[in-house]
Amino acid sequence: MKIKNGKLILVTDINPTPEEKGKSTVTIELGQALCKQGKNAVILSENRLLAQYLEL
């Protein structure tokens, strides 16, 4: 089985944007956009509220 090299996108910032979209929102939207294009995406986060948002 041949494994392809993956890519890493790190989402980080000090403050949320003026539209109140923070790192978690941007990360979720980025993951959804990649999946919509047929790409595989894995989201890792230390944010406990993210798990509640995703109902995990």
PDB file of N, CA and C in Angstrom:
ATOM      1  N   MET A   1       0.835  -1.170   0.000  1.00  0.00           N
ATOM      2  CA  MET A   1       0.000   0.000   0.000  1.00  0.00           C
ATOM      3  C   MET A   1       0.887   1.243   0.000  1.00  0.00           C
ATOM      4  N   LYS A   2       0.662   2.106  -0.964  1.00  0.00           N
ATOM      5  CA  LYS A   2       1.463   3.322  -1.070  1.00  0.00           C
ATOM      6  C   LYS A   2       0.717   4.471  -0.391  1.00  0.00           C
ATOM      7  N   ILE A   3       1.429   5.215   0.449  1.00  0.00           N
ATOM      8  CA  ILE A   3       0.836   6.325   1.181  1.00  0.00           C
ATOM      9  C   ILE A   3       1.354   7.636   0.587  1.00  0.00           C
ATOM     10  N   LYS A   4       0.408   8.536   0.263  1.00  0.00           N
ATOM     11  CA  LYS A   4       0.788   9.848  -0.260  1.00  0.00           C
ATOM     12  C   LYS A   4       1.206  10.759   0.885  1.00  0.00           C
ATOM     13  N   ASN A   5       2.058  11.705   0.587  1.00  0.00           N
ATOM     14  CA  ASN A   5       2.399  12.733   1.561  1.00  0.00           C
ATOM     15  C   ASN A   5       1.214  13.672   1.723  1.00  0.00           C
ATOM     16  N   GLY A   6       0.936  14.057   2.953  1.00  0.00           N
ATOM     17  CA  GLY A   6      -0.169  14.968   3.218  1.00  0.00           C
ATOM     18  C   GLY A   6       0.312  16.402   3.321  1.00  0.00           C
ATOM     19  N   LYS A   7      -0.654  17.266   3.531  1.00  0.00           N
ATOM     20  CA  LYS A   7      -0.354  18.683   3.716  1.00  0.00           C
ATOM     21  C   LYS A   7      -0.956  19.122   5.036  1.00  0.00           C
ATOM     22  N   LEU A   8      -0.362  20.119   5.653  1.00  0.00           N
ATOM     23  CA  LEU A   8      -0.814  20.636   6.937  1.00  0.00           C
ATOM     24  C   LEU A   8      -1.162  22.103   6.780  1.00  0.00           C
ATOM     25  N   ILE A   9      -2.342  22.468   7.278  1.00  0.00           N
ATOM     26  CA  ILE A   9      -2.740  23.878   7.332  1.00  0.00           C
ATOM     27  C   ILE A   9      -2.927  24.216   8.805  1.00  0.00           C
ATOM     28  N   LEU A  10      -2.133  25.133   9.306  1.00  0.00           N
ATOM     29  CA  LEU A  10      -2.212  25.548  10.698  1.00  0.00           C
ATOM     30  C   LEU A  10      -2.969  26.859  10.774  1.00  0.00           C
ATOM     31  N   VAL A  11      -4.073  26.857  11.527  1.00  0.00           N
ATOM     32  CA  VAL A  11      -4.881  28.071  11.694  1.00  0.00           C
ATOM     33  C   VAL A  11      -4.581  28.634  13.072  1.00  0.00           C
ATOM     34  N   THR A  12      -4.037  29.847  13.116  1.00  0.00           N
ATOM     35  CA  THR A  12      -3.683  30.464  14.384  1.00  0.00           C
ATOM     36  C   THR A  12      -3.841  31.978  14.280  1.00  0.00           C
ATOM     37  N   ASP A  13      -4.167  32.605  15.393  1.00  0.00           N
ATOM     38  CA  ASP A  13      -4.321  34.055  15.444  1.00  0.00           C
ATOM     39  C   ASP A  13      -4.397  34.469  16.907  1.00  0.00           C
ATOM     40  N   ILE A  14      -4.233  35.743  17.168  1.00  0.00           N
ATOM     41  CA  ILE A  14      -4.312  36.251  18.534  1.00  0.00           C
ATOM     42  C   ILE A  14      -5.750  36.597  18.899  1.00  0.00           C
ATOM     43  N   ASN A  15      -6.441  37.276  17.984  1.00  0.00           N
ATOM     44  CA  ASN A  15      -7.804  37.731  18.239  1.00  0.00           C
ATOM     45  C   ASN A  15      -8.730  37.288  17.109  1.00  0.00           C
ATOM     46  N   PRO A  16     -10.039  37.178  17.391  1.00  0.00           N
ATOM     47  CA  PRO A  16     -10.985  36.888  16.308  1.00  0.00           C
ATOM     48  C   PRO A  16     -11.062  38.056  15.322  1.00  0.00           C
ATOM     49  N   THR A  17     -11.596  37.790  14.164  1.00  0.00           N
ATOM     50  CA  THR A  17     -11.750  38.836  13.154  1.00  0.00           C
ATOM     51  C   THR A  17     -12.856  39.796  13.574  1.00  0.00           C
ATOM     52  N   PRO A  18     -12.947  40.958  12.942  1.00  0.00           N
ATOM     53  CA  PRO A  18     -14.014  41.901  13.282  1.00  0.00           C
ATOM     54  C   PRO A  18     -15.418  41.311  13.104  1.00  0.00           C
ATOM     55  N   GLU A  19     -15.573  40.336  12.221  1.00  0.00           N
ATOM     56  CA  GLU A  19     -16.876  39.701  12.009  1.00  0.00           C
ATOM     57  C   GLU A  19     -17.159  38.637  13.070  1.00  0.00           C
ATOM     58  N   GLU A  20     -16.329  38.571  14.092  1.00  0.00           N
ATOM     59  CA  GLU A  20     -16.438  37.603  15.188  1.00  0.00           C
ATOM     60  C   GLU A  20     -16.272  36.164  14.725  1.00  0.00           C
ATOM     61  N   LYS A  21     -15.543  35.968  13.653  1.00  0.00           N
ATOM     62  CA  LYS A  21     -15.214  34.617  13.223  1.00  0.00           C
ATOM     63  C   LYS A  21     -13.830  34.306  13.742  1.00  0.00           C
ATOM     64  N   GLY A  22     -13.744  33.349  14.631  1.00  0.00           N
ATOM     65  CA  GLY A  22     -12.473  32.993  15.228  1.00  0.00           C
ATOM     66  C   GLY A  22     -11.823  31.810  14.537  1.00  0.00           C
ATOM     67  N   LYS A  23     -10.806  31.291  15.187  1.00  0.00           N
ATOM     68  CA  LYS A  23     -10.038  30.182  14.622  1.00  0.00           C
ATOM     69  C   LYS A  23     -10.878  28.935  14.408  1.00  0.00           C
ATOM     70  N   SER A  24     -11.743  28.616  15.360  1.00  0.00           N
ATOM     71  CA  SER A  24     -12.560  27.403  15.232  1.00  0.00           C
ATOM     72  C   SER A  24     -13.505  27.486  14.047  1.00  0.00           C
ATOM     73  N   THR A  25     -14.149  28.630  13.878  1.00  0.00           N
ATOM     74  CA  THR A  25     -15.080  28.811  12.758  1.00  0.00           C
ATOM     75  C   THR A  25     -14.346  28.708  11.429  1.00  0.00           C
ATOM     76  N   VAL A  26     -13.212  29.372  11.325  1.00  0.00           N
ATOM     77  CA  VAL A  26     -12.427  29.334  10.086  1.00  0.00           C
ATOM     78  C   VAL A  26     -11.963  27.908   9.809  1.00  0.00           C
ATOM     79  N   THR A  27     -11.546  27.192  10.844  1.00  0.00           N
ATOM     80  CA  THR A  27     -11.068  25.820  10.680  1.00  0.00           C
ATOM     81  C   THR A  27     -12.179  24.906  10.177  1.00  0.00           C
ATOM     82  N   ILE A  28     -13.368  25.028  10.770  1.00  0.00           N
ATOM     83  CA  ILE A  28     -14.502  24.202  10.339  1.00  0.00           C
ATOM     84  C   ILE A  28     -14.860  24.514   8.889  1.00  0.00           C
ATOM     85  N   GLU A  29     -14.940  25.805   8.557  1.00  0.00           N
ATOM     86  CA  GLU A  29     -15.301  26.194   7.196  1.00  0.00           C
ATOM     87  C   GLU A  29     -14.256  25.741   6.185  1.00  0.00           C
ATOM     88  N   LEU A  30     -12.992  25.793   6.558  1.00  0.00           N
ATOM     89  CA  LEU A  30     -11.925  25.329   5.679  1.00  0.00           C
ATOM     90  C   LEU A  30     -12.038  23.822   5.454  1.00  0.00           C
ATOM     91  N   GLY A  31     -12.289  23.073   6.517  1.00  0.00           N
ATOM     92  CA  GLY A  31     -12.468  21.622   6.393  1.00  0.00           C
ATOM     93  C   GLY A  31     -13.651  21.271   5.511  1.00  0.00           C
ATOM     94  N   GLN A  32     -14.769  21.985   5.678  1.00  0.00           N
ATOM     95  CA  GLN A  32     -15.949  21.747   4.852  1.00  0.00           C
ATOM     96  C   GLN A  32     -15.672  22.067   3.388  1.00  0.00           C
ATOM     97  N   ALA A  33     -14.955  23.161   3.141  1.00  0.00           N
ATOM     98  CA  ALA A  33     -14.631  23.539   1.762  1.00  0.00           C
ATOM     99  C   ALA A  33     -13.737  22.498   1.097  1.00  0.00           C
ATOM    100  N   LEU A  34     -12.760  21.982   1.831  1.00  0.00           N
ATOM    101  CA  LEU A  34     -11.877  20.947   1.271  1.00  0.00           C
ATOM    102  C   LEU A  34     -12.660  19.677   0.956  1.00  0.00           C
ATOM    103  N   CYS A  35     -13.554  19.279   1.859  1.00  0.00           N
ATOM    104  CA  CYS A  35     -14.366  18.076   1.629  1.00  0.00           C
ATOM    105  C   CYS A  35     -15.301  18.268   0.435  1.00  0.00           C
ATOM    106  N   LYS A  36     -15.841  19.470   0.284  1.00  0.00           N
ATOM    107  CA  LYS A  36     -16.731  19.757  -0.838  1.00  0.00           C
ATOM    108  C   LYS A  36     -15.996  19.624  -2.169  1.00  0.00           C
ATOM    109  N   GLN A  37     -14.679  19.871  -2.166  1.00  0.00           N
ATOM    110  CA  GLN A  37     -13.858  19.724  -3.367  1.00  0.00           C
ATOM    111  C   GLN A  37     -13.386  18.285  -3.567  1.00  0.00           C
ATOM    112  N   GLY A  38     -13.822  17.378  -2.689  1.00  0.00           N
ATOM    113  CA  GLY A  38     -13.432  15.977  -2.816  1.00  0.00           C
ATOM    114  C   GLY A  38     -12.130  15.637  -2.118  1.00  0.00           C
ATOM    115  N   LYS A  39     -11.605  16.535  -1.316  1.00  0.00           N
ATOM    116  CA  LYS A  39     -10.364  16.286  -0.573  1.00  0.00           C
ATOM    117  C   LYS A  39     -10.707  15.653   0.775  1.00  0.00           C
ATOM    118  N   ASN A  40      -9.757  14.977   1.354  1.00  0.00           N
ATOM    119  CA  ASN A  40      -9.912  14.457   2.707  1.00  0.00           C
ATOM    120  C   ASN A  40      -9.412  15.508   3.693  1.00  0.00           C
ATOM    121  N   ALA A  41     -10.138  15.697   4.783  1.00  0.00           N
ATOM    122  CA  ALA A  41      -9.738  16.691   5.773  1.00  0.00           C
ATOM    123  C   ALA A  41      -9.925  16.129   7.173  1.00  0.00           C
ATOM    124  N   VAL A  42      -8.970  16.409   8.033  1.00  0.00           N
ATOM    125  CA  VAL A  42      -9.049  16.037   9.449  1.00  0.00           C
ATOM    126  C   VAL A  42      -8.844  17.315  10.243  1.00  0.00           C
ATOM    127  N   ILE A  43      -9.743  17.562  11.203  1.00  0.00           N
ATOM    128  CA  ILE A  43      -9.641  18.755  12.037  1.00  0.00           C
ATOM    129  C   ILE A  43      -9.242  18.331  13.439  1.00  0.00           C
ATOM    130  N   LEU A  44      -8.142  18.886  13.922  1.00  0.00           N
ATOM    131  CA  LEU A  44      -7.695  18.651  15.290  1.00  0.00           C
ATOM    132  C   LEU A  44      -7.750  19.972  16.030  1.00  0.00           C
ATOM    133  N   SER A  45      -8.330  19.950  17.224  1.00  0.00           N
ATOM    134  CA  SER A  45      -8.460  21.189  17.980  1.00  0.00           C
ATOM    135  C   SER A  45      -8.414  20.891  19.468  1.00  0.00           C
ATOM    136  N   GLU A  46      -7.862  21.830  20.223  1.00  0.00           N
ATOM    137  CA  GLU A  46      -7.867  21.728  21.679  1.00  0.00           C
ATOM    138  C   GLU A  46      -9.069  22.466  22.279  1.00  0.00           C
ATOM    139  N   ASN A  47      -9.895  23.039  21.426  1.00  0.00           N
ATOM    140  CA  ASN A  47     -11.035  23.824  21.870  1.00  0.00           C
ATOM    141  C   ASN A  47     -12.178  22.884  22.277  1.00  0.00           C
ATOM    142  N   ARG A  48     -12.518  22.849  23.554  1.00  0.00           N
ATOM    143  CA  ARG A  48     -13.583  21.965  24.031  1.00  0.00           C
ATOM    144  C   ARG A  48     -14.954  22.398  23.538  1.00  0.00           C
ATOM    145  N   LEU A  49     -15.124  23.698  23.284  1.00  0.00           N
ATOM    146  CA  LEU A  49     -16.405  24.179  22.773  1.00  0.00           C
ATOM    147  C   LEU A  49     -16.650  23.689  21.355  1.00  0.00           C
ATOM    148  N   LEU A  50     -15.588  23.424  20.606  1.00  0.00           N
ATOM    149  CA  LEU A  50     -15.716  22.919  19.250  1.00  0.00           C
ATOM    150  C   LEU A  50     -16.406  21.565  19.257  1.00  0.00           C
ATOM    151  N   ALA A  51     -16.065  20.707  20.195  1.00  0.00           N
ATOM    152  CA  ALA A  51     -16.695  19.388  20.302  1.00  0.00           C
ATOM    153  C   ALA A  51     -18.192  19.529  20.569  1.00  0.00           C
ATOM    154  N   GLN A  52     -18.565  20.491  21.403  1.00  0.00           N
ATOM    155  CA  GLN A  52     -19.990  20.724  21.672  1.00  0.00           C
ATOM    156  C   GLN A  52     -20.695  21.225  20.416  1.00  0.00           C
ATOM    157  N   TYR A  53     -20.045  22.101  19.673  1.00  0.00           N
ATOM    158  CA  TYR A  53     -20.619  22.652  18.446  1.00  0.00           C
ATOM    159  C   TYR A  53     -20.866  21.541  17.429  1.00  0.00           C
ATOM    160  N   LEU A  54     -19.915  20.626  17.321  1.00  0.00           N
ATOM    161  CA  LEU A  54     -20.024  19.519  16.368  1.00  0.00           C
ATOM    162  C   LEU A  54     -20.810  18.349  16.939  1.00  0.00           C
ATOM    163  N   GLU A  55     -21.287  18.479  18.170  1.00  0.00           N
ATOM    164  CA  GLU A  55     -22.059  17.439  18.878  1.00  0.00           C
ATOM    165  C   GLU A  55     -21.279  16.134  18.961  1.00  0.00           C
ATOM    166  N   LEU A  56     -20.025  16.221  19.369  1.00  0.00           N
ATOM    167  CA  LEU A  56     -19.183  15.032  19.539  1.00  0.00           C
ATOM    168  C   LEU A  56     -19.214  14.565  20.968  1.00  0.00           C
TER     169      LEU A  56
END
